[in-house]
PDB file of N, CA and C in Angstrom:
ATOM      1  N   MET A   1       0.983  -7.760  -3.623  1.00  0.00           N
ATOM      2  CA  MET A   1       0.869  -6.095  -4.537  1.00  0.00           C
ATOM      3  C   MET A   1       1.806  -5.420  -3.808  1.00  0.00           C
ATOM      4  N   GLN A   2       2.714  -4.672  -4.342  1.00  0.00           N
ATOM      5  CA  GLN A   2       3.940  -3.857  -3.510  1.00  0.00           C
ATOM      6  C   GLN A   2       3.130  -2.319  -3.913  1.00  0.00           C
ATOM      7  N   LEU A   3       3.272  -1.815  -3.321  1.00  0.00           N
ATOM      8  CA  LEU A   3       2.969  -0.306  -3.542  1.00  0.00           C
ATOM      9  C   LEU A   3       4.246   0.559  -4.992  1.00  0.00           C
ATOM     10  N   SER A   4       3.862   0.836  -5.426  1.00  0.00           N
ATOM     11  CA  SER A   4       4.269   1.787  -6.870  1.00  0.00           C
ATOM     12  C   SER A   4       5.509   2.559  -6.155  1.00  0.00           C
ATOM     13  N   ASP A   5       6.472   3.295  -6.345  1.00  0.00           N
ATOM     14  CA  ASP A   5       7.102   4.646  -6.556  1.00  0.00           C
ATOM     15  C   ASP A   5       6.188   5.968  -5.947  1.00  0.00           C
ATOM     16  N   LYS A   6       4.922   5.682  -7.330  1.00  0.00           N
ATOM     17  CA  LYS A   6       4.270   6.499  -7.701  1.00  0.00           C
ATOM     18  C   LYS A   6       3.074   5.984  -6.908  1.00  0.00           C
ATOM     19  N   GLU A   7       3.108   5.354  -6.596  1.00  0.00           N
ATOM     20  CA  GLU A   7       1.874   5.396  -4.858  1.00  0.00           C
ATOM     21  C   GLU A   7       2.579   5.652  -3.812  1.00  0.00           C
ATOM     22  N   LYS A   8       3.097   5.675  -3.377  1.00  0.00           N
ATOM     23  CA  LYS A   8       4.257   6.064  -1.985  1.00  0.00           C
ATOM     24  C   LYS A   8       4.039   7.419  -2.605  1.00  0.00           C
ATOM     25  N   GLN A   9       3.807   8.293  -2.866  1.00  0.00           N
ATOM     26  CA  GLN A   9       4.835   9.619  -3.246  1.00  0.00           C
ATOM     27  C   GLN A   9       3.367   9.676  -3.584  1.00  0.00           C
ATOM     28  N   THR A  10       2.272   9.625  -3.452  1.00  0.00           N
ATOM     29  CA  THR A  10       0.690   9.861  -3.882  1.00  0.00           C
ATOM     30  C   THR A  10       0.441  10.288  -2.516  1.00  0.00           C
ATOM     31  N   LEU A  11       0.623   9.086  -1.412  1.00  0.00           N
ATOM     32  CA  LEU A  11       0.972   8.633  -0.481  1.00  0.00           C
ATOM     33  C   LEU A  11       1.323   9.902   0.627  1.00  0.00           C
ATOM     34  N   LEU A  12       2.397   9.832   0.179  1.00  0.00           N
ATOM     35  CA  LEU A  12       3.023  10.629   1.269  1.00  0.00           C
ATOM     36  C   LEU A  12       2.809  12.414   0.851  1.00  0.00           C
ATOM     37  N   ASP A  13       2.390  12.814  -0.768  1.00  0.00           N
ATOM     38  CA  ASP A  13       1.359  13.652  -0.935  1.00  0.00           C
ATOM     39  C   ASP A  13       0.194  14.652  -0.055  1.00  0.00           C
ATOM     40  N   CYS A  14       0.125  13.490  -0.054  1.00  0.00           N
ATOM     41  CA  CYS A  14      -1.691  13.422   0.922  1.00  0.00           C
ATOM     42  C   CYS A  14      -0.933  13.927   1.815  1.00  0.00           C
ATOM     43  N   ALA A  15      -0.302  13.199   2.813  1.00  0.00           N
ATOM     44  CA  ALA A  15       0.322  13.141   4.663  1.00  0.00           C
ATOM     45  C   ALA A  15       0.727  14.700   4.675  1.00  0.00           C
ATOM     46  N   ASP A  16       1.042  15.054   3.639  1.00  0.00           N
ATOM     47  CA  ASP A  16       1.980  16.262   3.672  1.00  0.00           C
ATOM     48  C   ASP A  16       0.815  17.095   3.648  1.00  0.00           C
ATOM     49  N   THR A  17      -0.044  17.309   2.377  1.00  0.00           N
ATOM     50  CA  THR A  17      -1.142  18.027   2.300  1.00  0.00           C
ATOM     51  C   THR A  17      -2.086  17.809   3.763  1.00  0.00           C
ATOM     52  N   LEU A  18      -2.764  17.125   4.074  1.00  0.00           N
ATOM     53  CA  LEU A  18      -3.171  17.103   5.552  1.00  0.00           C
ATOM     54  C   LEU A  18      -2.859  17.438   7.068  1.00  0.00           C
ATOM     55  N   GLU A  19      -1.366  17.135   6.480  1.00  0.00           N
ATOM     56  CA  GLU A  19      -0.644  17.057   7.747  1.00  0.00           C
ATOM     57  C   GLU A  19      -0.302  16.788   8.667  1.00  0.00           C
ATOM     58  N   ASN A  20      -0.733  15.587   8.539  1.00  0.00           N
ATOM     59  CA  ASN A  20      -1.023  14.312   9.259  1.00  0.00           C
ATOM     60  C   ASN A  20       0.339  14.210  10.254  1.00  0.00           C
ATOM     61  N   GLU A  21       0.257  13.488  11.222  1.00  0.00           N
ATOM     62  CA  GLU A  21       1.204  13.151  12.131  1.00  0.00           C
ATOM     63  C   GLU A  21       1.321  11.569  12.453  1.00  0.00           C
ATOM     64  N   LEU A  22       2.130  10.550  12.089  1.00  0.00           N
ATOM     65  CA  LEU A  22       2.854  10.234  11.941  1.00  0.00           C
ATOM     66  C   LEU A  22       1.270   8.425  12.692  1.00  0.00           C
ATOM     67  N   THR A  23       0.664   8.924  14.002  1.00  0.00           N
ATOM     68  CA  THR A  23      -0.156   8.266  14.375  1.00  0.00           C
ATOM     69  C   THR A  23      -1.546   8.317  13.500  1.00  0.00           C
ATOM     70  N   GLU A  24      -1.794   9.573  13.396  1.00  0.00           N
ATOM     71  CA  GLU A  24      -3.077   9.775  12.310  1.00  0.00           C
ATOM     72  C   GLU A  24      -2.757   8.726  11.433  1.00  0.00           C
ATOM     73  N   ASN A  25      -2.070   8.629  10.687  1.00  0.00           N
ATOM     74  CA  ASN A  25      -1.318   8.041   9.730  1.00  0.00           C
ATOM     75  C   ASN A  25      -1.886   6.503   9.848  1.00  0.00           C
ATOM     76  N   GLN A  26      -1.425   6.501  11.028  1.00  0.00           N
ATOM     77  CA  GLN A  26      -1.604   4.384  11.842  1.00  0.00           C
ATOM     78  C   GLN A  26      -3.305   4.383  11.873  1.00  0.00           C
ATOM     79  N   LYS A  27      -3.812   5.213  12.476  1.00  0.00           N
ATOM     80  CA  LYS A  27      -5.364   5.133  12.522  1.00  0.00           C
ATOM     81  C   LYS A  27      -5.911   5.050  11.087  1.00  0.00           C
ATOM     82  N   TYR A  28      -5.710   5.473  10.335  1.00  0.00           N
ATOM     83  CA  TYR A  28      -6.267   5.677   8.473  1.00  0.00           C
ATOM     84  C   TYR A  28      -6.010   3.968   7.841  1.00  0.00           C
ATOM     85  N   LEU A  29      -4.827   3.571   7.951  1.00  0.00           N
ATOM     86  CA  LEU A  29      -4.179   2.652   7.743  1.00  0.00           C
ATOM     87  C   LEU A  29      -4.935   1.241   8.312  1.00  0.00           C
ATOM     88  N   ASP A  30      -4.970   1.666  10.112  1.00  0.00           N
ATOM     89  CA  ASP A  30      -6.383   1.069  10.412  1.00  0.00           C
ATOM     90  C   ASP A  30      -7.264   0.868  10.128  1.00  0.00           C
ATOM     91  N   LEU A  31      -7.681   1.289   9.953  1.00  0.00           N
ATOM     92  CA  LEU A  31      -9.246   1.831   9.466  1.00  0.00           C
ATOM     93  C   LEU A  31      -9.400   0.945   7.993  1.00  0.00           C
ATOM     94  N   LEU A  32      -8.588   1.109   7.564  1.00  0.00           N
ATOM     95  CA  LEU A  32      -9.112   0.929   6.569  1.00  0.00           C
ATOM     96  C   LEU A  32      -7.869  -1.195   6.165  1.00  0.00           C
ATOM     97  N   ASN A  33      -7.897  -1.141   6.736  1.00  0.00           N
ATOM     98  CA  ASN A  33      -7.375  -2.300   7.140  1.00  0.00           C
ATOM     99  C   ASN A  33      -8.608  -3.519   7.873  1.00  0.00           C
ATOM    100  N   LYS A  34      -9.215  -2.699   8.608  1.00  0.00           N
ATOM    101  CA  LYS A  34     -10.263  -2.923   9.535  1.00  0.00           C
ATOM    102  C   LYS A  34     -11.588  -3.418   8.339  1.00  0.00           C
ATOM    103  N   VAL A  35     -11.802  -2.279   6.931  1.00  0.00           N
ATOM    104  CA  VAL A  35     -12.885  -2.463   5.988  1.00  0.00           C
ATOM    105  C   VAL A  35     -12.127  -2.979   4.762  1.00  0.00           C
ATOM    106  N   PHE A  36     -11.137  -3.829   4.480  1.00  0.00           N
ATOM    107  CA  PHE A  36     -11.034  -5.094   4.252  1.00  0.00           C
ATOM    108  C   PHE A  36      -9.919  -3.958   2.598  1.00  0.00           C
ATOM    109  N   ILE A  37      -9.734  -3.125   2.343  1.00  0.00           N
ATOM    110  CA  ILE A  37      -9.211  -1.922   1.671  1.00  0.00           C
ATOM    111  C   ILE A  37      -7.845  -2.282   1.250  1.00  0.00           C
ATOM    112  N   LEU A  38      -7.270  -2.405   2.963  1.00  0.00           N
ATOM    113  CA  LEU A  38      -5.680  -2.440   2.532  1.00  0.00           C
ATOM    114  C   LEU A  38      -5.675  -4.159   3.545  1.00  0.00           C
ATOM    115  N   HIS A  39      -4.200  -4.368   3.664  1.00  0.00           N
ATOM    116  CA  HIS A  39      -3.947  -5.713   4.115  1.00  0.00           C
ATOM    117  C   HIS A  39      -2.411  -5.843   5.077  1.00  0.00           C
ATOM    118  N   LYS A  40      -2.264  -6.082   6.002  1.00  0.00           N
ATOM    119  CA  LYS A  40      -0.519  -5.898   5.773  1.00  0.00           C
ATOM    120  C   LYS A  40       0.132  -7.373   6.381  1.00  0.00           C
ATOM    121  N   VAL A  41       0.827  -7.347   6.041  1.00  0.00           N
ATOM    122  CA  VAL A  41       1.794  -8.425   6.043  1.00  0.00           C
ATOM    123  C   VAL A  41       2.779  -7.756   7.198  1.00  0.00           C
ATOM    124  N   GLU A  42       3.423  -8.271   8.473  1.00  0.00           N
ATOM    125  CA  GLU A  42       4.088  -8.554   8.752  1.00  0.00           C
ATOM    126  C   GLU A  42       5.355  -8.984   7.858  1.00  0.00           C
ATOM    127  N   GLY A  43       6.881  -8.135   8.763  1.00  0.00           N
ATOM    128  CA  GLY A  43       8.190  -9.369   8.192  1.00  0.00           C
ATOM    129  C   GLY A  43       8.684 -10.314   8.571  1.00  0.00           C
ATOM    130  N   PHE A  44       8.831 -11.168   7.652  1.00  0.00           N
ATOM    131  CA  PHE A  44       9.300 -12.407   7.969  1.00  0.00           C
ATOM    132  C   PHE A  44      10.536 -12.802   7.439  1.00  0.00           C
ATOM    133  N   SER A  45      10.983 -14.126   8.785  1.00  0.00           N
ATOM    134  CA  SER A  45      12.850 -14.504   8.230  1.00  0.00           C
ATOM    135  C   SER A  45      12.783 -15.368   8.968  1.00  0.00           C
ATOM    136  N   ARG A  46      13.643 -16.813   8.555  1.00  0.00           N
ATOM    137  CA  ARG A  46      13.834 -17.539   9.101  1.00  0.00           C
ATOM    138  C   ARG A  46      14.981 -17.230  10.443  1.00  0.00           C
ATOM    139  N   ASN A  47      15.570 -16.040  10.235  1.00  0.00           N
ATOM    140  CA  ASN A  47      16.057 -15.436  11.194  1.00  0.00           C
ATOM    141  C   ASN A  47      15.496 -14.803  11.931  1.00  0.00           C
ATOM    142  N   LEU A  48      15.215 -15.003  13.210  1.00  0.00           N
ATOM    143  CA  LEU A  48      14.275 -14.560  13.991  1.00  0.00           C
ATOM    144  C   LEU A  48      15.416 -12.936  14.694  1.00  0.00           C
ATOM    145  N   ARG A  49      16.356 -12.568  14.486  1.00  0.00           N
ATOM    146  CA  ARG A  49      17.317 -11.099  14.877  1.00  0.00           C
ATOM    147  C   ARG A  49      16.546 -10.683  13.177  1.00  0.00           C
ATOM    148  N   LYS A  50      16.592 -11.469  12.538  1.00  0.00           N
ATOM    149  CA  LYS A  50      16.407  -9.956  11.067  1.00  0.00           C
ATOM    150  C   LYS A  50      14.784  -9.705  11.288  1.00  0.00           C
ATOM    151  N   GLU A  51      14.053 -10.928  11.522  1.00  0.00           N
ATOM    152  CA  GLU A  51      12.603 -11.019  11.356  1.00  0.00           C
ATOM    153  C   GLU A  51      12.422  -8.779  12.181  1.00  0.00           C
ATOM    154  N   ILE A  52      12.784  -9.132  13.469  1.00  0.00           N
ATOM    155  CA  ILE A  52      12.511  -7.980  14.085  1.00  0.00           C
ATOM    156  C   ILE A  52      12.905  -6.547  13.291  1.00  0.00           C
ATOM    157  N   THR A  53      14.102  -6.628  12.799  1.00  0.00           N
ATOM    158  CA  THR A  53      14.333  -5.585  11.737  1.00  0.00           C
ATOM    159  C   THR A  53      13.423  -5.045  10.629  1.00  0.00           C
ATOM    160  N   LYS A  54      12.889  -6.690   9.827  1.00  0.00           N
ATOM    161  CA  LYS A  54      11.899  -6.445   8.689  1.00  0.00           C
ATOM    162  C   LYS A  54      10.866  -6.016   8.642  1.00  0.00           C
ATOM    163  N   ASN A  55      10.828  -4.657   7.428  1.00  0.00           N
ATOM    164  CA  ASN A  55       9.413  -3.906   8.089  1.00  0.00           C
ATOM    165  C   ASN A  55       8.473  -4.738   7.471  1.00  0.00           C
ATOM    166  N   SER A  56       6.639  -3.861   6.953  1.00  0.00           N
ATOM    167  CA  SER A  56       5.926  -4.436   7.134  1.00  0.00           C
ATOM    168  C   SER A  56       5.629  -4.014   5.669  1.00  0.00           C
ATOM    169  N   ARG A  57       4.626  -4.811   4.950  1.00  0.00           N
ATOM    170  CA  ARG A  57       3.934  -4.333   4.145  1.00  0.00           C
ATOM    171  C   ARG A  57       2.930  -4.466   3.520  1.00  0.00           C
ATOM    172  N   TRP A  58       2.242  -2.649   2.592  1.00  0.00           N
ATOM    173  CA  TRP A  58       0.615  -2.989   3.205  1.00  0.00           C
ATOM    174  C   TRP A  58       0.137  -3.368   1.203  1.00  0.00           C
ATOM    175  N   TYR A  59      -0.560  -4.323   1.116  1.00  0.00           N
ATOM    176  CA  TYR A  59      -1.225  -4.816   0.420  1.00  0.00           C
ATOM    177  C   TYR A  59      -2.293  -3.739   0.009  1.00  0.00           C
ATOM    178  N   PHE A  60      -2.943  -3.705  -1.148  1.00  0.00           N
ATOM    179  CA  PHE A  60      -4.531  -3.158  -1.731  1.00  0.00           C
ATOM    180  C   PHE A  60      -4.901  -4.374  -2.152  1.00  0.00           C
ATOM    181  N   LEU A  61      -5.704  -5.060  -1.247  1.00  0.00           N
ATOM    182  CA  LEU A  61      -7.324  -5.913  -2.025  1.00  0.00           C
ATOM    183  C   LEU A  61      -7.979  -5.469  -2.564  1.00  0.00           C
ATOM    184  N   ASP A  62      -8.055  -4.525  -2.655  1.00  0.00           N
ATOM    185  CA  ASP A  62      -9.196  -3.445  -3.439  1.00  0.00           C
ATOM    186  C   ASP A  62      -8.550  -3.191  -4.882  1.00  0.00           C
ATOM    187  N   ASN A  63      -8.504  -3.509  -6.314  1.00  0.00           N
ATOM    188  CA  ASN A  63      -7.230  -3.037  -7.405  1.00  0.00           C
ATOM    189  C   ASN A  63      -8.398  -1.679  -7.710  1.00  0.00           C
ATOM    190  N   GLY A  64      -9.402  -1.550  -7.738  1.00  0.00           N
ATOM    191  CA  GLY A  64     -10.060   0.012  -7.908  1.00  0.00           C
ATOM    192  C   GLY A  64     -10.055   1.307  -6.944  1.00  0.00           C
ATOM    193  N   ILE A  65      -9.439   0.956  -5.801  1.00  0.00           N
ATOM    194  CA  ILE A  65      -9.323   1.995  -5.387  1.00  0.00           C
ATOM    195  C   ILE A  65      -7.348   1.775  -5.795  1.00  0.00           C
ATOM    196  N   ARG A  66      -6.985   0.855  -5.487  1.00  0.00           N
ATOM    197  CA  ARG A  66      -4.924   0.712  -5.933  1.00  0.00           C
ATOM    198  C   ARG A  66      -5.463   1.828  -7.454  1.00  0.00           C
ATOM    199  N   ASN A  67      -5.647   1.567  -7.873  1.00  0.00           N
ATOM    200  CA  ASN A  67      -5.872   2.487  -9.729  1.00  0.00           C
ATOM    201  C   ASN A  67      -6.319   3.435  -9.568  1.00  0.00           C
ATOM    202  N   ALA A  68      -7.204   3.979  -8.635  1.00  0.00           N
ATOM    203  CA  ALA A  68      -7.429   5.127  -8.660  1.00  0.00           C
ATOM    204  C   ALA A  68      -6.137   6.217  -8.168  1.00  0.00           C
ATOM    205  N   VAL A  69      -6.185   5.348  -7.097  1.00  0.00           N
ATOM    206  CA  VAL A  69      -4.895   5.956  -6.745  1.00  0.00           C
ATOM    207  C   VAL A  69      -3.826   6.281  -7.318  1.00  0.00           C
ATOM    208  N   ILE A  70      -3.008   5.186  -8.598  1.00  0.00           N
ATOM    209  CA  ILE A  70      -2.521   5.455  -9.447  1.00  0.00           C
ATOM    210  C   ILE A  70      -2.818   6.274 -10.901  1.00  0.00           C
ATOM    211  N   ALA A  71      -3.771   6.131 -10.730  1.00  0.00           N
ATOM    212  CA  ALA A  71      -4.721   6.753 -12.341  1.00  0.00           C
ATOM    213  C   ALA A  71      -4.773   6.433 -13.125  1.00  0.00           C
ATOM    214  N   ASN A  72      -5.051   4.741 -13.025  1.00  0.00           N
ATOM    215  CA  ASN A  72      -4.517   4.276 -14.337  1.00  0.00           C
ATOM    216  C   ASN A  72      -5.278   3.212 -14.635  1.00  0.00           C
ATOM    217  N   PHE A  73      -6.848   3.851 -15.000  1.00  0.00           N
ATOM    218  CA  PHE A  73      -7.717   2.484 -15.922  1.00  0.00           C
ATOM    219  C   PHE A  73      -8.199   2.137 -16.959  1.00  0.00           C
ATOM    220  N   ASN A  74      -6.726   2.001 -17.634  1.00  0.00           N
ATOM    221  CA  ASN A  74      -6.468   0.802 -19.116  1.00  0.00           C
ATOM    222  C   ASN A  74      -7.575  -0.275 -18.518  1.00  0.00           C
ATOM    223  N   PRO A  75      -7.299  -1.277 -19.302  1.00  0.00           N
ATOM    224  CA  PRO A  75      -7.702  -2.342 -20.233  1.00  0.00           C
ATOM    225  C   PRO A  75      -6.919  -2.928 -19.881  1.00  0.00           C
ATOM    226  N   VAL A  76      -7.029  -4.416 -18.869  1.00  0.00           N
ATOM    227  CA  VAL A  76      -6.024  -5.321 -18.898  1.00  0.00           C
ATOM    228  C   VAL A  76      -5.372  -5.526 -19.795  1.00  0.00           C
ATOM    229  N   HIS A  77      -5.522  -5.636 -21.096  1.00  0.00           N
ATOM    230  CA  HIS A  77      -4.462  -6.393 -22.061  1.00  0.00           C
ATOM    231  C   HIS A  77      -3.307  -5.337 -22.372  1.00  0.00           C
ATOM    232  N   ALA A  78      -3.798  -3.614 -22.117  1.00  0.00           N
ATOM    233  CA  ALA A  78      -3.437  -2.953 -22.297  1.00  0.00           C
ATOM    234  C   ALA A  78      -2.405  -2.146 -20.478  1.00  0.00           C
ATOM    235  N   ARG A  79      -2.036  -3.001 -19.917  1.00  0.00           N
ATOM    236  CA  ARG A  79      -1.806  -1.849 -18.627  1.00  0.00           C
ATOM    237  C   ARG A  79      -0.018  -2.781 -18.808  1.00  0.00           C
ATOM    238  N   ASN A  80       0.528  -2.028 -18.064  1.00  0.00           N
ATOM    239  CA  ASN A  80       2.097  -2.546 -17.947  1.00  0.00           C
ATOM    240  C   ASN A  80       2.172  -2.315 -16.610  1.00  0.00           C
ATOM    241  N   ASP A  81       1.442  -3.087 -15.985  1.00  0.00           N
ATOM    242  CA  ASP A  81       1.397  -3.340 -14.015  1.00  0.00           C
ATOM    243  C   ASP A  81       0.912  -4.724 -14.254  1.00  0.00           C
ATOM    244  N   ILE A  82       0.208  -5.436 -15.196  1.00  0.00           N
ATOM    245  CA  ILE A  82      -0.091  -6.201 -15.078  1.00  0.00           C
ATOM    246  C   ILE A  82       0.524  -7.211 -14.360  1.00  0.00           C
ATOM    247  N   CYS A  83       1.759  -8.256 -14.194  1.00  0.00           N
ATOM    248  CA  CYS A  83       1.749  -9.038 -13.741  1.00  0.00           C
ATOM    249  C   CYS A  83       2.296  -8.247 -12.052  1.00  0.00           C
ATOM    250  N   ALA A  84       2.020  -7.211 -11.628  1.00  0.00           N
ATOM    251  CA  ALA A  84       2.382  -6.762 -10.775  1.00  0.00           C
ATOM    252  C   ALA A  84       0.837  -7.115  -9.837  1.00  0.00           C
ATOM    253  N   LEU A  85      -0.236  -7.071 -10.608  1.00  0.00           N
ATOM    254  CA  LEU A  85      -1.367  -7.387 -10.107  1.00  0.00           C
ATOM    255  C   LEU A  85      -2.101  -8.849  -9.722  1.00  0.00           C
ATOM    256  N   CYS A  86      -1.330 -10.255 -10.157  1.00  0.00           N
ATOM    257  CA  CYS A  86      -1.621 -11.254 -10.178  1.00  0.00           C
ATOM    258  C   CYS A  86      -1.104 -11.201  -8.849  1.00  0.00           C
TER     259      CYS A  86
END
C-alpha cells in the first residue's frame, strides 16, 4: 500500500507544523518501523545503476492508523480505496 497524495500532504503539514528537520523525521520513521506500524521497502531494479537512484517506499502495516491519518472509517464495501488495501 502506497501513500496517497492526501496522506503525503497530511504528513508534510504535520512536519511543517512541528518544524521538524529531516533527521528528526527520519528518527520518527525509524521508530514507527521498529514498532511495526510502518515498513520500508528499498528501491529495486535489475539494473544496478537504476537501483541506486530508486526511491524507497513506506507502507502502513496497521491500516487502522492509515485510516485515521486519512480520516476514512467507512465500511469495507463502501470504500473507494479497497484495491489499495489489498
